């Protein structure tokens, strides 16, 4: 009798498990719907990967074209040197003009010294 009761209990437990599985198991329709959604997500992820690849190429091309601080510093130093050289040449012309004007007595010695002592390249009075 005890054995028969145990068998009924076991059968009842198995029936409960089967009913639970039947009630909660995925249907073919829900599995197909889930597969469609996964396929759609895969397509979207693939599109995002393509876009990210395009962005990487654009960033790389910008990095190649970008000016570095060292490059700018070098170019500014070159420009400064060129401007200084041009100003020195102009200063030589001004000195020559002042000498000629002093020789022709258009300028006095004091006026000549005052002009030559001006910036950007002052001459010391000798």
Protein backbone atom coordinates (compact mmCIF):
# COMPACT_ATOMS: atom_id res chain seq x y z
CA UNK A 1 0.00 0.00 0.00
CA UNK A 2 2.80 2.31 0.88
CA UNK A 3 4.45 1.50 -2.43
CA UNK A 4 1.27 2.25 -4.31
CA UNK A 5 1.00 5.61 -2.52
CA UNK A 6 4.60 6.45 -3.41
CA UNK A 7 3.93 5.58 -7.07
CA UNK A 8 0.88 7.86 -7.12
CA UNK A 9 2.90 10.67 -5.59
CA UNK A 10 5.66 10.20 -8.14
CA UNK A 11 3.16 10.08 -10.98
CA UNK A 12 1.50 13.23 -9.63
CA UNK A 13 4.91 15.01 -9.51
CA UNK A 14 5.73 13.95 -13.06
CA UNK A 15 2.33 15.21 -14.24
CA UNK A 16 2.91 18.56 -12.54
CA UNK A 17 6.32 18.87 -14.24
CA UNK A 18 4.84 17.96 -17.63
CA UNK A 19 2.03 20.51 -17.17
CA UNK A 20 4.52 23.18 -16.16
CA UNK A 21 6.65 22.48 -19.24
CA UNK A 22 3.55 22.50 -21.46
CA UNK A 23 2.40 25.85 -20.03
CA UNK A 24 5.80 27.54 -20.13
CA UNK A 25 7.51 26.00 -23.14
CA UNK A 26 8.19 28.18 -26.15
CA UNK A 27 5.97 27.64 -29.13
CA UNK A 28 7.35 27.43 -32.65
CA UNK A 29 5.71 30.79 -33.35
CA UNK A 30 7.53 32.51 -30.49
CA UNK A 31 10.83 30.85 -31.46
CA UNK A 32 10.38 32.07 -35.05
CA UNK A 33 9.54 35.59 -33.86
CA UNK A 34 12.64 35.61 -31.66
CA UNK A 35 14.77 34.39 -34.58
CA UNK A 36 13.39 37.22 -36.74
CA UNK A 37 14.27 39.77 -34.07
CA UNK A 38 17.78 38.33 -33.72
CA UNK A 39 18.21 38.51 -37.50
CA UNK A 40 17.04 42.12 -37.49
CA UNK A 41 19.47 42.95 -34.69
CA UNK A 42 22.31 41.27 -36.58
CA UNK A 43 21.50 43.40 -39.63
CA UNK A 44 21.45 46.59 -37.56
CA UNK A 45 24.71 45.68 -35.82
CA UNK A 46 26.28 45.01 -39.22
CA UNK A 47 25.15 48.46 -40.37
CA UNK A 48 26.64 50.04 -37.26
CA UNK A 49 29.93 48.24 -37.84
CA UNK A 50 30.02 49.66 -41.38
CA UNK A 51 29.34 53.17 -40.09
CA UNK A 52 32.03 52.86 -37.41
CA UNK A 53 34.50 51.68 -40.05
CA UNK A 54 33.68 54.76 -42.14
CA UNK A 55 34.16 57.01 -39.12
CA UNK A 56 37.51 55.41 -38.37
CA UNK A 57 38.67 56.17 -41.92
CA UNK A 58 37.54 59.80 -41.60
CA UNK A 59 39.30 60.22 -38.25
CA UNK A 60 42.47 58.69 -39.68
CA UNK A 61 42.40 61.07 -42.66
CA UNK A 62 41.85 64.03 -40.32
CA UNK A 63 44.76 62.92 -38.15
CA UNK A 64 47.01 62.82 -41.22
CA UNK A 65 45.96 66.34 -42.27
CA UNK A 66 46.09 67.80 -38.76
CA UNK A 67 48.84 70.30 -38.01
CA UNK A 68 50.95 69.51 -34.97
CA UNK A 69 52.23 72.01 -32.44
CA UNK A 70 55.82 71.25 -33.40
CA UNK A 71 55.06 71.98 -37.05
CA UNK A 72 53.44 75.30 -36.16
CA UNK A 73 56.33 76.23 -33.87
CA UNK A 74 58.84 75.52 -36.66
CA UNK A 75 56.85 77.53 -39.21
CA UNK A 76 56.45 80.48 -36.83
CA UNK A 77 60.19 80.42 -36.06
CA UNK A 78 60.95 80.42 -39.81
CA UNK A 79 58.57 83.34 -40.35
CA UNK A 80 60.11 85.27 -37.48
CA UNK A 81 63.58 84.75 -38.95
CA UNK A 82 62.43 85.85 -42.42
CA UNK A 83 60.78 88.99 -41.04
CA UNK A 84 63.86 89.88 -39.00
CA UNK A 85 66.06 89.46 -42.07
CA UNK A 86 63.78 91.71 -44.13
CA UNK A 87 63.76 94.35 -41.39
CA UNK A 88 67.58 94.26 -41.20
CA UNK A 89 67.77 94.91 -44.96
CA UNK A 90 65.38 97.84 -44.62
CA UNK A 91 67.40 99.15 -41.68
CA UNK A 92 70.53 99.11 -43.85
CA UNK A 93 68.70 101.20 -46.44
CA UNK A 94 67.58 103.70 -43.79
CA UNK A 95 71.15 104.02 -42.45
CA UNK A 96 72.48 104.61 -45.96
CA UNK A 97 69.83 107.30 -46.54
CA UNK A 98 70.63 108.99 -43.22
CA UNK A 99 74.37 108.99 -44.06
CA UNK A 100 73.69 110.64 -47.45
CA UNK A 101 71.37 113.20 -45.86
CA UNK A 102 74.01 114.01 -43.24
CA UNK A 103 76.71 114.41 -45.89
CA UNK A 104 74.47 116.77 -47.83
CA UNK A 105 73.89 118.62 -44.58
CA UNK A 106 70.15 117.98 -44.59
CA UNK A 107 70.53 116.43 -41.13
CA UNK A 108 72.81 117.51 -38.31
CA UNK A 109 75.07 115.01 -36.48
CA UNK A 110 72.74 115.10 -33.48
CA UNK A 111 69.67 114.41 -35.63
CA UNK A 112 71.49 111.57 -37.36
CA UNK A 113 72.47 110.01 -33.99
CA UNK A 114 68.93 110.43 -32.67
CA UNK A 115 67.42 108.66 -35.69
CA UNK A 116 70.00 105.85 -35.68
CA UNK A 117 69.44 105.19 -31.95
CA UNK A 118 65.73 104.38 -32.57
CA UNK A 119 64.24 100.88 -32.52
CA UNK A 120 64.04 98.17 -33.85
CA UNK A 121 67.83 98.00 -34.41
CA UNK A 122 69.36 100.91 -32.53
CA UNK A 123 72.98 101.90 -33.18
CA UNK A 124 75.09 103.08 -30.30
CA UNK A 125 76.66 106.51 -30.66
CA UNK A 126 80.37 106.22 -31.34
